[in-house]
N, C-alpha and C. Protein backbone atom coordinates (compact mmCIF):
# COMPACT_ATOMS: atom_id res chain seq x y z
N MET A 1 1.18 -0.89 -0.27
CA MET A 1 0.39 0.19 0.22
C MET A 1 1.11 1.17 -0.47
N PRO A 2 0.97 2.33 -1.11
CA PRO A 2 1.38 3.14 -1.38
C PRO A 2 0.85 4.04 0.90
N LEU A 3 2.02 5.57 0.72
CA LEU A 3 1.80 5.57 1.65
C LEU A 3 0.98 7.24 2.46
N ARG A 4 0.97 7.32 0.89
CA ARG A 4 0.08 8.43 0.38
C ARG A 4 -1.03 8.36 0.31
N VAL A 5 -1.84 6.66 0.40
CA VAL A 5 -3.05 6.85 0.41
C VAL A 5 -3.28 6.69 2.51
N LEU A 6 -3.07 7.05 3.06
CA LEU A 6 -2.75 7.13 3.86
C LEU A 6 -2.81 9.00 4.32
N ALA A 7 -2.55 9.78 3.65
CA ALA A 7 -2.75 11.60 3.66
C ALA A 7 -4.26 11.37 3.87
N PRO A 8 -3.87 12.50 5.06
CA PRO A 8 -5.57 13.20 5.87
C PRO A 8 -6.73 13.64 4.55
N ARG A 9 -6.29 13.87 3.75
CA ARG A 9 -7.53 13.66 2.13
C ARG A 9 -8.36 12.92 2.57
N TYR A 10 -7.35 11.30 1.98
CA TYR A 10 -8.36 10.18 2.22
C TYR A 10 -9.02 10.10 3.75
N TRP A 11 -8.85 10.49 4.65
CA TRP A 11 -9.56 10.34 5.29
C TRP A 11 -10.98 9.48 5.65
N PRO A 12 -11.66 11.14 5.21
CA PRO A 12 -13.37 10.51 4.84
C PRO A 12 -13.16 9.25 3.51
N THR A 13 -12.38 9.06 2.89
CA THR A 13 -12.44 7.67 1.47
C THR A 13 -12.09 6.67 2.81
N TRP A 14 -11.16 6.58 3.77
CA TRP A 14 -11.38 5.71 4.91
C TRP A 14 -12.30 5.21 6.30
N ILE A 15 -12.82 6.47 6.01
CA ILE A 15 -14.07 6.38 7.13
C ILE A 15 -15.42 5.97 6.48
N GLY A 16 -15.43 6.45 5.05
CA GLY A 16 -16.39 5.81 4.89
C GLY A 16 -16.71 4.06 4.01
N LEU A 17 -15.07 3.99 4.38
CA LEU A 17 -15.32 2.31 4.02
C LEU A 17 -15.41 1.63 4.42
N ILE A 18 -14.60 1.58 5.77
CA ILE A 18 -14.70 1.42 7.22
C ILE A 18 -16.22 1.33 7.68
N LEU A 19 -17.26 2.91 7.64
CA LEU A 19 -18.55 2.41 7.51
C LEU A 19 -18.60 1.84 6.90
N LEU A 20 -19.13 1.17 5.62
CA LEU A 20 -19.34 0.39 4.08
C LEU A 20 -19.04 -0.90 5.20
N ARG A 21 -17.62 -1.05 4.98
CA ARG A 21 -17.69 -2.51 6.01
C ARG A 21 -18.59 -3.21 6.82
N LEU A 22 -18.48 -1.89 7.88
CA LEU A 22 -19.45 -2.84 9.05
C LEU A 22 -20.82 -2.93 8.45
N PHE A 23 -21.14 -2.04 8.04
CA PHE A 23 -22.94 -2.08 7.71
C PHE A 23 -22.66 -3.59 6.67
N ALA A 24 -22.40 -3.56 5.84
CA ALA A 24 -22.05 -4.99 5.04
C ALA A 24 -22.10 -6.03 5.62
N MET A 25 -22.29 -6.53 6.82
CA MET A 25 -22.35 -7.52 7.76
C MET A 25 -23.70 -7.50 8.31
N LEU A 26 -24.50 -6.40 8.05
CA LEU A 26 -26.11 -6.65 8.75
C LEU A 26 -27.29 -7.48 7.27
N PRO A 27 -27.83 -7.85 7.97
CA PRO A 27 -28.79 -8.95 7.25
C PRO A 27 -29.29 -7.86 5.52
N TYR A 28 -29.62 -9.26 4.67
CA TYR A 28 -29.69 -8.19 3.13
C TYR A 28 -30.93 -7.39 3.94
N PRO A 29 -32.03 -7.72 4.34
CA PRO A 29 -33.61 -7.06 4.80
C PRO A 29 -33.53 -4.80 4.46
N CYS A 30 -32.36 -5.86 6.24
CA CYS A 30 -31.98 -4.13 6.70
C CYS A 30 -31.21 -3.72 5.63
N LEU A 31 -30.54 -3.77 5.51
CA LEU A 31 -29.40 -3.36 4.13
C LEU A 31 -30.14 -2.20 3.19
N LEU A 32 -31.54 -3.18 2.77
CA LEU A 32 -32.89 -2.25 2.68
C LEU A 32 -33.54 -1.27 2.33
N VAL A 33 -33.76 -1.69 4.04
CA VAL A 33 -34.19 -0.74 4.64
C VAL A 33 -33.66 0.46 5.25
N ILE A 34 -32.14 0.64 4.66
CA ILE A 34 -31.42 1.73 5.49
C ILE A 34 -30.88 2.17 3.83
N GLY A 35 -30.49 1.35 3.16
CA GLY A 35 -30.80 1.84 1.52
C GLY A 35 -31.31 2.85 1.54
N ARG A 36 -32.90 2.23 1.19
CA ARG A 36 -33.90 3.22 0.63
C ARG A 36 -34.03 4.56 1.97
N THR A 37 -34.04 3.99 2.95
CA THR A 37 -33.94 6.00 3.30
C THR A 37 -32.80 6.10 3.16
N LEU A 38 -31.64 5.54 3.49
CA LEU A 38 -30.35 6.55 2.73
C LEU A 38 -31.08 8.08 1.32
N GLY A 39 -31.77 7.42 0.47
CA GLY A 39 -31.70 7.32 -0.81
C GLY A 39 -32.74 8.03 -0.46
N ARG A 40 -32.72 8.26 -0.06
CA ARG A 40 -34.81 9.50 0.39
C ARG A 40 -34.30 10.54 0.40
N MET A 41 -33.11 10.78 1.88
CA MET A 41 -32.42 10.99 2.04
C MET A 41 -31.43 12.26 1.49
N LEU A 42 -30.67 11.82 0.54
CA LEU A 42 -29.74 12.20 -0.18
C LEU A 42 -30.84 13.00 -1.50
N ARG A 43 -31.78 12.19 -2.17
CA ARG A 43 -32.10 13.00 -2.85
C ARG A 43 -32.84 14.38 -2.47
N LEU A 44 -33.19 14.75 -1.18
CA LEU A 44 -33.66 15.95 0.00
C LEU A 44 -32.02 16.82 -0.22
N VAL A 45 -31.22 16.39 0.16
CA VAL A 45 -29.63 16.85 0.36
C VAL A 45 -29.22 17.20 -1.07
N ILE A 46 -29.56 16.72 -2.25
CA ILE A 46 -28.29 16.19 -3.37
C ILE A 46 -28.95 17.02 -4.19
N THR A 47 -30.06 18.69 -4.24
CA THR A 47 -31.31 18.78 -4.73
C THR A 47 -31.26 19.32 -6.09
N ARG A 48 -29.25 19.27 -6.26
CA ARG A 48 -28.96 19.16 -7.52
C ARG A 48 -28.99 18.14 -8.84
N PHE A 49 -29.05 17.31 -7.80
CA PHE A 49 -29.54 15.84 -8.58
C PHE A 49 -31.10 15.51 -8.91
N SER A 50 -31.18 15.92 -8.01
CA SER A 50 -32.87 15.50 -7.81
C SER A 50 -34.15 16.15 -9.03
N SER A 51 -33.77 18.14 -9.01
CA SER A 51 -33.62 18.30 -10.35
C SER A 51 -33.38 18.21 -11.38
N THR A 52 -31.85 17.15 -11.44
CA THR A 52 -32.22 16.99 -13.01
C THR A 52 -32.49 16.02 -13.36
N ALA A 53 -33.53 15.27 -12.49
CA ALA A 53 -33.93 13.60 -12.61
C ALA A 53 -35.71 14.08 -12.81
N ARG A 54 -36.14 15.51 -12.78
CA ARG A 54 -36.97 15.60 -12.39
C ARG A 54 -37.25 15.71 -13.71
N ARG A 55 -36.46 16.97 -14.57
CA ARG A 55 -35.22 17.40 -15.78
C ARG A 55 -36.20 15.92 -16.45
N ASN A 56 -35.08 15.35 -16.48
CA ASN A 56 -34.91 14.58 -17.27
C ASN A 56 -36.60 14.03 -17.28
N MET A 57 -37.30 12.93 -15.93
CA MET A 57 -38.98 12.62 -16.68
C MET A 57 -39.64 13.07 -17.02
N GLU A 58 -39.35 14.79 -17.01
CA GLU A 58 -40.15 15.30 -17.58
C GLU A 58 -40.35 15.77 -19.11
N LEU A 59 -39.20 15.28 -19.65
CA LEU A 59 -39.02 15.25 -20.71
C LEU A 59 -38.73 13.51 -21.31
N CYS A 60 -38.71 12.65 -20.85
CA CYS A 60 -38.66 11.47 -21.13
C CYS A 60 -39.79 10.44 -21.28
N LEU A 61 -40.83 11.02 -20.15
CA LEU A 61 -42.12 10.82 -20.08
C LEU A 61 -43.06 11.92 -19.39
N PRO A 62 -43.29 12.71 -20.90
CA PRO A 62 -44.48 13.98 -20.56
C PRO A 62 -45.82 13.38 -20.01
N GLU A 63 -45.36 12.26 -20.75
CA GLU A 63 -47.31 11.38 -20.39
C GLU A 63 -47.63 11.11 -19.12
N LEU A 64 -47.00 10.67 -18.36
CA LEU A 64 -47.22 10.41 -16.41
C LEU A 64 -47.52 12.03 -16.27
N THR A 65 -48.23 11.29 -15.38
CA THR A 65 -47.61 12.78 -14.09
C THR A 65 -47.22 13.08 -13.10
N ALA A 66 -47.15 14.22 -13.37
CA ALA A 66 -46.48 14.94 -12.17
C ALA A 66 -45.90 13.67 -10.62
N GLU A 67 -46.66 13.47 -10.47
CA GLU A 67 -47.15 12.48 -8.98
C GLU A 67 -46.30 11.24 -9.71
N ALA A 68 -46.82 10.66 -10.65
CA ALA A 68 -46.16 9.09 -11.45
C ALA A 68 -44.57 9.98 -11.38
N ARG A 69 -44.85 11.05 -12.22
CA ARG A 69 -42.62 10.75 -12.29
C ARG A 69 -41.87 10.96 -11.08
N GLU A 70 -42.86 11.74 -9.97
CA GLU A 70 -42.18 11.76 -8.27
C GLU A 70 -41.58 10.11 -8.26
N LYS A 71 -43.11 9.17 -7.94
CA LYS A 71 -42.64 8.33 -7.22
C LYS A 71 -41.66 8.04 -8.15
N LEU A 72 -41.77 7.41 -9.32
CA LEU A 72 -40.22 7.25 -9.97
C LEU A 72 -38.70 7.86 -9.62
N ILE A 73 -39.01 8.20 -9.38
CA ILE A 73 -37.58 9.21 -9.42
C ILE A 73 -37.14 8.81 -7.24
N THR A 74 -38.54 9.29 -6.89
CA THR A 74 -37.67 8.46 -5.27
C THR A 74 -37.31 7.03 -5.23
N HIS A 75 -38.30 6.00 -6.03
CA HIS A 75 -37.37 4.82 -6.33
C HIS A 75 -36.13 4.66 -6.83
N HIS A 76 -35.38 5.40 -8.00
CA HIS A 76 -34.36 5.56 -8.55
C HIS A 76 -34.01 6.44 -7.08
N PHE A 77 -33.94 7.28 -5.90
CA PHE A 77 -33.29 7.14 -5.55
C PHE A 77 -32.98 6.40 -4.44
N GLU A 78 -33.62 5.13 -3.48
CA GLU A 78 -34.12 4.55 -2.96
C GLU A 78 -33.54 3.28 -4.04
N SER A 79 -33.19 3.22 -5.43
CA SER A 79 -32.05 2.33 -5.50
C SER A 79 -30.70 2.51 -5.61
N LEU A 80 -30.89 3.65 -5.57
CA LEU A 80 -29.34 3.92 -5.50
C LEU A 80 -28.55 4.30 -3.80
N GLY A 81 -29.82 4.35 -2.58
CA GLY A 81 -28.93 3.64 -1.60
C GLY A 81 -28.62 2.83 -1.41
N ILE A 82 -29.97 1.65 -2.22
CA ILE A 82 -29.34 0.44 -2.21
C ILE A 82 -28.49 -0.36 -2.59
N ALA A 83 -27.13 0.76 -3.97
CA ALA A 83 -26.48 -0.06 -4.40
C ALA A 83 -25.71 0.38 -3.76
N LEU A 84 -25.59 1.07 -3.07
CA LEU A 84 -24.38 1.99 -1.85
C LEU A 84 -23.48 0.34 -1.28
N PHE A 85 -25.09 0.38 -1.05
CA PHE A 85 -24.68 -1.19 -0.40
C PHE A 85 -24.22 -2.18 -0.34
N GLU A 86 -25.60 -2.41 -1.67
CA GLU A 86 -25.14 -3.77 -2.60
C GLU A 86 -23.36 -3.95 -2.84
N THR A 87 -23.29 -2.13 -3.38
CA THR A 87 -21.24 -2.80 -3.84
C THR A 87 -20.71 -2.86 -1.71
N ALA A 88 -21.42 -2.51 -1.51
CA ALA A 88 -19.78 -3.25 -0.42
C ALA A 88 -20.57 -4.97 0.09
N MET A 89 -21.45 -5.18 0.01
CA MET A 89 -21.56 -6.65 0.13
C MET A 89 -21.10 -6.57 -0.92
N SER A 90 -19.88 -7.08 -1.88
CA SER A 90 -20.05 -7.67 -3.44
C SER A 90 -18.82 -6.82 -2.79
N TRP A 91 -18.09 -6.11 -2.41
CA TRP A 91 -16.36 -6.54 -1.81
C TRP A 91 -16.69 -7.08 -0.84
N TRP A 92 -17.04 -7.48 0.35
CA TRP A 92 -16.89 -8.21 1.16
C TRP A 92 -17.37 -9.30 2.26
N ALA A 93 -18.88 -9.56 1.08
CA ALA A 93 -19.50 -11.00 1.55
C ALA A 93 -19.36 -12.31 1.13
N SER A 94 -19.15 -12.76 1.83
CA SER A 94 -18.47 -14.64 1.08
C SER A 94 -19.95 -14.48 -0.29
N ASP A 95 -19.52 -15.99 -0.93
CA ASP A 95 -19.64 -16.32 -2.09
C ASP A 95 -21.49 -17.31 -1.20
N ARG A 96 -21.20 -17.80 0.55
CA ARG A 96 -22.72 -18.34 0.80
C ARG A 96 -23.59 -17.17 0.76
N ARG A 97 -22.99 -16.49 0.94
CA ARG A 97 -23.71 -14.79 1.29
C ARG A 97 -24.41 -14.49 -0.33
N ILE A 98 -24.36 -14.32 -0.67
CA ILE A 98 -23.82 -13.94 -2.60
C ILE A 98 -25.17 -14.51 -2.94
N ARG A 99 -24.83 -15.83 -2.73
CA ARG A 99 -25.84 -17.05 -3.39
C ARG A 99 -27.00 -16.77 -2.59
N ALA A 100 -26.96 -16.75 -1.55
CA ALA A 100 -28.30 -16.17 -1.41
C ALA A 100 -29.39 -15.40 -1.25
N ILE A 101 -28.38 -14.42 -1.39
CA ILE A 101 -29.41 -13.52 -1.98
C ILE A 101 -29.86 -13.56 -2.63
N SER A 102 -29.63 -13.86 -4.35
CA SER A 102 -28.96 -14.09 -5.96
C SER A 102 -30.66 -14.73 -5.81
N GLN A 103 -30.85 -14.89 -7.39
CA GLN A 103 -31.22 -15.97 -8.12
C GLN A 103 -31.08 -15.62 -10.12
N VAL A 104 -30.11 -16.76 -10.57
CA VAL A 104 -29.64 -16.54 -12.32
C VAL A 104 -30.99 -16.81 -12.64
N GLU A 105 -31.21 -16.20 -13.51
CA GLU A 105 -32.25 -17.64 -14.72
C GLU A 105 -30.81 -16.87 -16.11
N GLY A 106 -30.63 -18.03 -16.96
CA GLY A 106 -30.98 -18.26 -17.99
C GLY A 106 -29.30 -18.25 -17.86
N ARG A 107 -28.98 -18.72 -16.29
CA ARG A 107 -27.12 -19.28 -16.66
C ARG A 107 -26.63 -20.75 -17.31
N GLU A 108 -27.94 -21.48 -18.17
CA GLU A 108 -27.78 -22.41 -18.64
C GLU A 108 -27.06 -22.37 -19.73
N HIS A 109 -27.29 -21.19 -20.54
CA HIS A 109 -27.04 -20.44 -22.38
C HIS A 109 -25.31 -20.16 -21.90
N LEU A 110 -25.10 -19.02 -21.23
CA LEU A 110 -23.60 -18.76 -20.50
C LEU A 110 -22.86 -20.38 -19.84
N ASP A 111 -23.11 -21.34 -19.65
CA ASP A 111 -22.70 -22.75 -18.65
C ASP A 111 -22.56 -23.26 -20.70
N ALA A 112 -23.50 -22.99 -21.24
CA ALA A 112 -23.55 -24.21 -22.84
C ALA A 112 -22.27 -23.78 -23.53
N ALA A 113 -22.16 -22.35 -23.91
CA ALA A 113 -21.25 -21.17 -24.88
C ALA A 113 -20.27 -21.91 -23.40
N LEU A 114 -19.90 -22.23 -22.75
CA LEU A 114 -18.56 -22.32 -22.69
C LEU A 114 -18.02 -23.31 -22.01
N ALA A 115 -19.40 -24.72 -22.20
CA ALA A 115 -18.85 -25.95 -23.11
C ALA A 115 -18.16 -26.10 -23.60
N ARG A 116 -19.22 -25.38 -25.34
CA ARG A 116 -18.32 -26.19 -26.31
C ARG A 116 -17.58 -25.28 -26.70
N GLY A 117 -16.30 -24.35 -25.56
CA GLY A 117 -14.84 -24.21 -25.43
C GLY A 117 -15.26 -22.44 -25.78
N ASN A 118 -16.34 -22.28 -26.30
CA ASN A 118 -16.56 -20.32 -26.35
C ASN A 118 -16.05 -20.09 -25.40
N GLY A 119 -15.63 -18.69 -26.04
CA GLY A 119 -15.14 -17.59 -24.49
C GLY A 119 -16.74 -16.15 -25.29
N VAL A 120 -17.45 -15.50 -23.98
CA VAL A 120 -18.69 -15.14 -23.72
C VAL A 120 -17.81 -13.75 -23.68
N LEU A 121 -18.63 -13.02 -23.45
CA LEU A 121 -18.52 -11.83 -23.81
C LEU A 121 -19.90 -11.04 -23.10
N LEU A 122 -20.34 -10.40 -22.35
CA LEU A 122 -21.36 -10.18 -21.62
C LEU A 122 -21.27 -8.38 -21.32
N LEU A 123 -22.42 -8.45 -22.47
CA LEU A 123 -22.25 -7.07 -21.47
C LEU A 123 -23.36 -5.89 -20.29
N SER A 124 -22.68 -4.53 -19.96
CA SER A 124 -24.11 -4.78 -18.95
C SER A 124 -23.76 -2.94 -19.72
N ALA A 125 -25.01 -2.22 -18.81
CA ALA A 125 -25.67 -1.41 -19.20
C ALA A 125 -25.42 -0.78 -17.56
N HIS A 126 -23.88 0.57 -17.15
CA HIS A 126 -24.02 0.72 -15.80
C HIS A 126 -25.59 1.55 -15.27
N PHE A 127 -25.76 0.71 -14.52
CA PHE A 127 -27.06 0.66 -13.74
C PHE A 127 -27.28 0.40 -12.22
N THR A 128 -28.07 0.53 -11.06
CA THR A 128 -27.72 0.63 -9.90
C THR A 128 -26.94 -1.03 -9.70
N THR A 129 -27.37 -1.64 -10.25
CA THR A 129 -27.04 -2.93 -10.13
C THR A 129 -26.22 -3.59 -10.55
N LEU A 130 -25.39 -3.19 -11.17
CA LEU A 130 -23.34 -3.35 -11.93
C LEU A 130 -23.23 -4.25 -10.49
N GLU A 131 -22.39 -3.49 -9.85
CA GLU A 131 -22.04 -4.11 -8.98
C GLU A 131 -21.78 -5.25 -8.46
N ILE A 132 -22.94 -5.83 -7.60
CA ILE A 132 -23.29 -6.23 -6.80
C ILE A 132 -23.92 -7.79 -8.65
N GLY A 133 -24.32 -7.13 -9.45
CA GLY A 133 -24.55 -8.18 -10.68
C GLY A 133 -23.47 -9.56 -10.76
N ALA A 134 -22.48 -8.39 -11.00
CA ALA A 134 -20.95 -9.00 -11.18
C ALA A 134 -20.94 -9.97 -10.28
N ARG A 135 -20.80 -9.51 -9.23
CA ARG A 135 -20.49 -10.13 -7.97
C ARG A 135 -21.42 -11.60 -7.68
N ILE A 136 -22.05 -11.27 -8.49
CA ILE A 136 -23.55 -12.76 -8.25
C ILE A 136 -22.88 -13.33 -9.56
N LEU A 137 -23.04 -13.06 -10.53
CA LEU A 137 -21.73 -13.70 -12.14
C LEU A 137 -20.96 -14.48 -11.73
N ALA A 138 -20.09 -13.74 -11.37
CA ALA A 138 -18.67 -14.23 -10.30
C ALA A 138 -18.47 -15.76 -8.96
N THR A 139 -19.98 -15.66 -8.44
CA THR A 139 -20.04 -16.62 -7.42
C THR A 139 -20.59 -18.58 -7.65
N PHE A 140 -20.31 -18.07 -9.39
CA PHE A 140 -20.22 -19.67 -10.45
C PHE A 140 -19.10 -19.29 -11.45
N THR A 141 -18.72 -18.51 -11.57
CA THR A 141 -18.13 -19.06 -12.83
C THR A 141 -15.91 -17.59 -13.19
N PRO A 142 -15.25 -18.64 -13.40
CA PRO A 142 -14.52 -17.40 -13.50
C PRO A 142 -14.62 -16.30 -15.02
N ILE A 143 -14.65 -14.85 -14.27
CA ILE A 143 -14.54 -13.24 -15.23
C ILE A 143 -13.86 -12.61 -14.80
N ASN A 144 -14.04 -11.13 -15.61
CA ASN A 144 -12.87 -10.64 -15.53
C ASN A 144 -13.52 -9.97 -16.45
N ILE A 145 -13.57 -8.05 -15.59
CA ILE A 145 -14.29 -6.98 -15.66
C ILE A 145 -13.39 -5.97 -16.35
N MET A 146 -13.98 -4.70 -17.06
CA MET A 146 -12.79 -4.36 -17.52
C MET A 146 -13.99 -2.61 -16.99
N TYR A 147 -12.67 -2.38 -16.59
CA TYR A 147 -13.69 -0.66 -15.98
C TYR A 147 -12.58 1.10 -16.02
N ARG A 148 -13.53 1.42 -15.47
CA ARG A 148 -12.57 2.95 -15.81
C ARG A 148 -12.22 3.40 -14.30
N PRO A 149 -10.20 3.18 -14.17
CA PRO A 149 -10.59 3.32 -12.06
C PRO A 149 -10.71 4.58 -12.20
N THR A 150 -10.79 4.36 -10.09
CA THR A 150 -11.46 5.46 -10.32
C THR A 150 -10.58 6.92 -9.78
N LYS A 151 -11.08 8.05 -10.03
CA LYS A 151 -9.36 9.16 -9.39
C LYS A 151 -9.21 8.63 -8.29
N ASN A 152 -9.59 8.42 -7.15
CA ASN A 152 -9.36 8.71 -6.02
C ASN A 152 -8.78 7.50 -5.35
N GLU A 153 -7.09 7.08 -5.63
CA GLU A 153 -6.32 6.40 -5.05
C GLU A 153 -6.45 5.77 -4.15
N CYS A 154 -7.11 6.39 -2.50
CA CYS A 154 -7.28 5.40 -1.90
C CYS A 154 -8.37 3.97 -1.93
N LEU A 155 -9.72 4.67 -2.97
CA LEU A 155 -10.53 3.81 -3.67
C LEU A 155 -10.18 2.71 -4.18
N ALA A 156 -9.04 2.91 -5.74
CA ALA A 156 -8.69 2.18 -6.12
C ALA A 156 -7.63 1.53 -5.26
N TYR A 157 -6.61 1.46 -4.38
CA TYR A 157 -6.71 0.42 -3.70
C TYR A 157 -6.83 -0.66 -3.13
């Protein structure tokens, strides 16, 4: 570990990682409740993101009522909160725990392609389920993931 990641500018990152590590030990249903609550709180605190989401919904889904769009925005922010804790689980939970909270449909197609000696390229959009989805996949087959490294040196470490 490079000593520079212990610098005071990374202390908030270390505190966040420690908290996430502790939360990751909680039962999954608790994480869902905490994640939804955190997401709703962040929606209220980070008003710039809420405004952007609201405007995007107005442009993309004009047929919905304002109330229906607000409900979707609330669900989106709840998903963001949940994703934070699912990311922590992705990093620190055992394969057994990951399998216990997941269900994979269509795995037989992947297994068949691999049995034929073919490589398989899986693509995903960058949704809130990206981290946990990759971790679930990794519990039953070796995978490689391509990503853009973060600029936060401590988090990258």
